[in-house]
Amino acid sequence: MIFTVWDYFNVSAIFRSVIRFRVSAEDKRAIENLAVKRGFDNVSGFLRRLALGR
């Protein structure tokens, strides 16, 4: 698990975590193209929706 600066310095805040993973440059382009094709403004929103199954 990777912690953000927010996690370390704001102990009263709700715990936040970041999921990180590596992809090849080719896979990154494919993911970006798919996100745009499905109407997303950014890859983060696309991956969040995909991961949560919504």
PDB file of N, CA and C in Angstrom:
ATOM      1  N   MET A   1       0.846  -1.167   0.000  1.00  0.00           N
ATOM      2  CA  MET A   1       0.000   0.000   0.000  1.00  0.00           C
ATOM      3  C   MET A   1       0.896   1.236   0.000  1.00  0.00           C
ATOM      4  N   ILE A   2       0.526   2.229  -0.792  1.00  0.00           N
ATOM      5  CA  ILE A   2       1.288   3.468  -0.881  1.00  0.00           C
ATOM      6  C   ILE A   2       0.485   4.557  -0.188  1.00  0.00           C
ATOM      7  N   PHE A   3       1.143   5.304   0.686  1.00  0.00           N
ATOM      8  CA  PHE A   3       0.474   6.377   1.399  1.00  0.00           C
ATOM      9  C   PHE A   3       0.782   7.712   0.751  1.00  0.00           C
ATOM     10  N   THR A   4      -0.184   8.601   0.739  1.00  0.00           N
ATOM     11  CA  THR A   4       0.011   9.925   0.170  1.00  0.00           C
ATOM     12  C   THR A   4       0.450  10.885   1.272  1.00  0.00           C
ATOM     13  N   VAL A   5       0.893  12.062   0.879  1.00  0.00           N
ATOM     14  CA  VAL A   5       1.268  13.098   1.841  1.00  0.00           C
ATOM     15  C   VAL A   5       0.074  13.414   2.730  1.00  0.00           C
ATOM     16  N   TRP A   6      -1.107  13.399   2.142  1.00  0.00           N
ATOM     17  CA  TRP A   6      -2.337  13.656   2.899  1.00  0.00           C
ATOM     18  C   TRP A   6      -2.466  12.682   4.065  1.00  0.00           C
ATOM     19  N   ASP A   7      -2.162  11.421   3.846  1.00  0.00           N
ATOM     20  CA  ASP A   7      -2.262  10.414   4.896  1.00  0.00           C
ATOM     21  C   ASP A   7      -1.325  10.707   6.054  1.00  0.00           C
ATOM     22  N   TYR A   8      -0.119  11.132   5.741  1.00  0.00           N
ATOM     23  CA  TYR A   8       0.877  11.357   6.785  1.00  0.00           C
ATOM     24  C   TYR A   8       0.623  12.614   7.603  1.00  0.00           C
ATOM     25  N   PHE A   9       0.115  13.667   6.995  1.00  0.00           N
ATOM     26  CA  PHE A   9       0.032  14.948   7.681  1.00  0.00           C
ATOM     27  C   PHE A   9      -1.362  15.343   8.143  1.00  0.00           C
ATOM     28  N   ASN A  10      -2.356  14.613   7.783  1.00  0.00           N
ATOM     29  CA  ASN A  10      -3.703  14.947   8.235  1.00  0.00           C
ATOM     30  C   ASN A  10      -4.307  13.720   8.905  1.00  0.00           C
ATOM     31  N   VAL A  11      -3.874  13.424  10.098  1.00  0.00           N
ATOM     32  CA  VAL A  11      -4.285  12.200  10.784  1.00  0.00           C
ATOM     33  C   VAL A  11      -5.760  12.181  11.148  1.00  0.00           C
ATOM     34  N   SER A  12      -6.396  13.339  11.183  1.00  0.00           N
ATOM     35  CA  SER A  12      -7.821  13.362  11.509  1.00  0.00           C
ATOM     36  C   SER A  12      -8.695  13.091  10.288  1.00  0.00           C
ATOM     37  N   ALA A  13      -8.098  13.064   9.112  1.00  0.00           N
ATOM     38  CA  ALA A  13      -8.861  12.843   7.879  1.00  0.00           C
ATOM     39  C   ALA A  13      -9.197  11.365   7.718  1.00  0.00           C
ATOM     40  N   ILE A  14     -10.183  11.103   6.895  1.00  0.00           N
ATOM     41  CA  ILE A  14     -10.520   9.728   6.550  1.00  0.00           C
ATOM     42  C   ILE A  14      -9.326   9.128   5.825  1.00  0.00           C
ATOM     43  N   PHE A  15      -8.989   7.884   6.145  1.00  0.00           N
ATOM     44  CA  PHE A  15      -7.847   7.221   5.529  1.00  0.00           C
ATOM     45  C   PHE A  15      -8.034   7.147   4.016  1.00  0.00           C
ATOM     46  N   ARG A  16      -6.985   7.559   3.297  1.00  0.00           N
ATOM     47  CA  ARG A  16      -7.005   7.506   1.833  1.00  0.00           C
ATOM     48  C   ARG A  16      -5.837   6.663   1.367  1.00  0.00           C
ATOM     49  N   SER A  17      -6.054   5.860   0.360  1.00  0.00           N
ATOM     50  CA  SER A  17      -4.962   5.081  -0.210  1.00  0.00           C
ATOM     51  C   SER A  17      -4.956   5.264  -1.717  1.00  0.00           C
ATOM     52  N   VAL A  18      -3.831   4.971  -2.307  1.00  0.00           N
ATOM     53  CA  VAL A  18      -3.648   5.106  -3.744  1.00  0.00           C
ATOM     54  C   VAL A  18      -3.237   3.747  -4.286  1.00  0.00           C
ATOM     55  N   ILE A  19      -3.868   3.328  -5.351  1.00  0.00           N
ATOM     56  CA  ILE A  19      -3.486   2.087  -6.006  1.00  0.00           C
ATOM     57  C   ILE A  19      -2.626   2.452  -7.202  1.00  0.00           C
ATOM     58  N   ARG A  20      -1.442   1.873  -7.268  1.00  0.00           N
ATOM     59  CA  ARG A  20      -0.539   2.146  -8.385  1.00  0.00           C
ATOM     60  C   ARG A  20      -0.108   0.845  -9.023  1.00  0.00           C
ATOM     61  N   PHE A  21       0.060   0.878 -10.318  1.00  0.00           N
ATOM     62  CA  PHE A  21       0.553  -0.288 -11.032  1.00  0.00           C
ATOM     63  C   PHE A  21       1.257   0.198 -12.290  1.00  0.00           C
ATOM     64  N   ARG A  22       2.049  -0.668 -12.874  1.00  0.00           N
ATOM     65  CA  ARG A  22       2.809  -0.310 -14.067  1.00  0.00           C
ATOM     66  C   ARG A  22       2.218  -0.988 -15.295  1.00  0.00           C
ATOM     67  N   VAL A  23       2.233  -0.242 -16.397  1.00  0.00           N
ATOM     68  CA  VAL A  23       1.820  -0.784 -17.683  1.00  0.00           C
ATOM     69  C   VAL A  23       2.838  -0.346 -18.729  1.00  0.00           C
ATOM     70  N   SER A  24       2.901  -1.082 -19.795  1.00  0.00           N
ATOM     71  CA  SER A  24       3.816  -0.713 -20.878  1.00  0.00           C
ATOM     72  C   SER A  24       3.275   0.537 -21.585  1.00  0.00           C
ATOM     73  N   ALA A  25       4.127   1.192 -22.354  1.00  0.00           N
ATOM     74  CA  ALA A  25       3.710   2.372 -23.107  1.00  0.00           C
ATOM     75  C   ALA A  25       2.587   2.019 -24.082  1.00  0.00           C
ATOM     76  N   GLU A  26       2.680   0.852 -24.666  1.00  0.00           N
ATOM     77  CA  GLU A  26       1.658   0.397 -25.607  1.00  0.00           C
ATOM     78  C   GLU A  26       0.316   0.186 -24.895  1.00  0.00           C
ATOM     79  N   ASP A  27       0.345  -0.454 -23.729  1.00  0.00           N
ATOM     80  CA  ASP A  27      -0.882  -0.667 -22.957  1.00  0.00           C
ATOM     81  C   ASP A  27      -1.464   0.659 -22.485  1.00  0.00           C
ATOM     82  N   LYS A  28      -0.597   1.582 -22.102  1.00  0.00           N
ATOM     83  CA  LYS A  28      -1.063   2.898 -21.647  1.00  0.00           C
ATOM     84  C   LYS A  28      -1.845   3.602 -22.756  1.00  0.00           C
ATOM     85  N   ARG A  29      -1.320   3.580 -23.978  1.00  0.00           N
ATOM     86  CA  ARG A  29      -2.023   4.196 -25.109  1.00  0.00           C
ATOM     87  C   ARG A  29      -3.362   3.506 -25.362  1.00  0.00           C
ATOM     88  N   ALA A  30      -3.380   2.184 -25.251  1.00  0.00           N
ATOM     89  CA  ALA A  30      -4.627   1.446 -25.466  1.00  0.00           C
ATOM     90  C   ALA A  30      -5.667   1.806 -24.403  1.00  0.00           C
ATOM     91  N   ILE A  31      -5.235   1.923 -23.153  1.00  0.00           N
ATOM     92  CA  ILE A  31      -6.147   2.295 -22.062  1.00  0.00           C
ATOM     93  C   ILE A  31      -6.664   3.713 -22.270  1.00  0.00           C
ATOM     94  N   GLU A  32      -5.773   4.637 -22.630  1.00  0.00           N
ATOM     95  CA  GLU A  32      -6.185   6.020 -22.880  1.00  0.00           C
ATOM     96  C   GLU A  32      -7.196   6.095 -24.018  1.00  0.00           C
ATOM     97  N   ASN A  33      -6.938   5.364 -25.101  1.00  0.00           N
ATOM     98  CA  ASN A  33      -7.861   5.365 -26.238  1.00  0.00           C
ATOM     99  C   ASN A  33      -9.216   4.793 -25.861  1.00  0.00           C
ATOM    100  N   LEU A  34      -9.216   3.734 -25.069  1.00  0.00           N
ATOM    101  CA  LEU A  34     -10.469   3.121 -24.638  1.00  0.00           C
ATOM    102  C   LEU A  34     -11.257   4.065 -23.728  1.00  0.00           C
ATOM    103  N   ALA A  35     -10.555   4.778 -22.849  1.00  0.00           N
ATOM    104  CA  ALA A  35     -11.216   5.736 -21.957  1.00  0.00           C
ATOM    105  C   ALA A  35     -11.910   6.825 -22.769  1.00  0.00           C
ATOM    106  N   VAL A  36     -11.210   7.374 -23.746  1.00  0.00           N
ATOM    107  CA  VAL A  36     -11.791   8.410 -24.597  1.00  0.00           C
ATOM    108  C   VAL A  36     -12.962   7.858 -25.393  1.00  0.00           C
ATOM    109  N   LYS A  37     -12.797   6.678 -25.945  1.00  0.00           N
ATOM    110  CA  LYS A  37     -13.847   6.035 -26.741  1.00  0.00           C
ATOM    111  C   LYS A  37     -15.124   5.830 -25.930  1.00  0.00           C
ATOM    112  N   ARG A  38     -14.964   5.572 -24.635  1.00  0.00           N
ATOM    113  CA  ARG A  38     -16.132   5.352 -23.764  1.00  0.00           C
ATOM    114  C   ARG A  38     -16.639   6.635 -23.113  1.00  0.00           C
ATOM    115  N   GLY A  39     -16.076   7.791 -23.528  1.00  0.00           N
ATOM    116  CA  GLY A  39     -16.607   9.073 -23.092  1.00  0.00           C
ATOM    117  C   GLY A  39     -16.022   9.656 -21.817  1.00  0.00           C
ATOM    118  N   PHE A  40     -14.898   9.138 -21.357  1.00  0.00           N
ATOM    119  CA  PHE A  40     -14.282   9.655 -20.142  1.00  0.00           C
ATOM    120  C   PHE A  40     -13.316  10.783 -20.472  1.00  0.00           C
ATOM    121  N   ASP A  41     -13.236  11.770 -19.583  1.00  0.00           N
ATOM    122  CA  ASP A  41     -12.317  12.893 -19.761  1.00  0.00           C
ATOM    123  C   ASP A  41     -10.896  12.543 -19.350  1.00  0.00           C
ATOM    124  N   ASN A  42     -10.763  11.530 -18.483  1.00  0.00           N
ATOM    125  CA  ASN A  42      -9.425  11.152 -18.022  1.00  0.00           C
ATOM    126  C   ASN A  42      -9.384   9.657 -17.706  1.00  0.00           C
ATOM    127  N   VAL A  43      -8.175   9.142 -17.670  1.00  0.00           N
ATOM    128  CA  VAL A  43      -7.980   7.709 -17.437  1.00  0.00           C
ATOM    129  C   VAL A  43      -8.336   7.343 -15.999  1.00  0.00           C
ATOM    130  N   SER A  44      -8.063   8.230 -15.058  1.00  0.00           N
ATOM    131  CA  SER A  44      -8.363   7.930 -13.653  1.00  0.00           C
ATOM    132  C   SER A  44      -9.841   7.617 -13.449  1.00  0.00           C
ATOM    133  N   GLY A  45     -10.693   8.436 -14.013  1.00  0.00           N
ATOM    134  CA  GLY A  45     -12.129   8.200 -13.892  1.00  0.00           C
ATOM    135  C   GLY A  45     -12.553   6.891 -14.535  1.00  0.00           C
ATOM    136  N   PHE A  46     -11.968   6.605 -15.690  1.00  0.00           N
ATOM    137  CA  PHE A  46     -12.264   5.360 -16.387  1.00  0.00           C
ATOM    138  C   PHE A  46     -11.844   4.152 -15.554  1.00  0.00           C
ATOM    139  N   LEU A  47     -10.624   4.164 -15.034  1.00  0.00           N
ATOM    140  CA  LEU A  47     -10.133   3.034 -14.239  1.00  0.00           C
ATOM    141  C   LEU A  47     -10.892   2.893 -12.926  1.00  0.00           C
ATOM    142  N   ARG A  48     -11.272   4.018 -12.327  1.00  0.00           N
ATOM    143  CA  ARG A  48     -12.049   3.974 -11.087  1.00  0.00           C
ATOM    144  C   ARG A  48     -13.386   3.289 -11.343  1.00  0.00           C
ATOM    145  N   ARG A  49     -14.074   3.692 -12.403  1.00  0.00           N
ATOM    146  CA  ARG A  49     -15.371   3.098 -12.748  1.00  0.00           C
ATOM    147  C   ARG A  49     -15.204   1.615 -13.055  1.00  0.00           C
ATOM    148  N   LEU A  50     -14.181   1.283 -13.800  1.00  0.00           N
ATOM    149  CA  LEU A  50     -13.914  -0.117 -14.162  1.00  0.00           C
ATOM    150  C   LEU A  50     -13.623  -0.961 -12.917  1.00  0.00           C
ATOM    151  N   ALA A  51     -12.792  -0.442 -12.029  1.00  0.00           N
ATOM    152  CA  ALA A  51     -12.410  -1.181 -10.824  1.00  0.00           C
ATOM    153  C   ALA A  51     -13.592  -1.393  -9.885  1.00  0.00           C
ATOM    154  N   LEU A  52     -14.481  -0.422  -9.821  1.00  0.00           N
ATOM    155  CA  LEU A  52     -15.623  -0.527  -8.912  1.00  0.00           C
ATOM    156  C   LEU A  52     -16.805  -1.252  -9.527  1.00  0.00           C
ATOM    157  N   GLY A  53     -16.699  -1.588 -10.797  1.00  0.00           N
ATOM    158  CA  GLY A  53     -17.749  -2.357 -11.457  1.00  0.00           C
ATOM    159  C   GLY A  53     -19.046  -1.604 -11.655  1.00  0.00           C
ATOM    160  N   ARG A  54     -18.962  -0.306 -11.804  1.00  0.00           N
ATOM    161  CA  ARG A  54     -20.168   0.508 -11.983  1.00  0.00           C
ATOM    162  C   ARG A  54     -20.478   0.740 -13.434  1.00  0.00           C
TER     163      ARG A  54
END
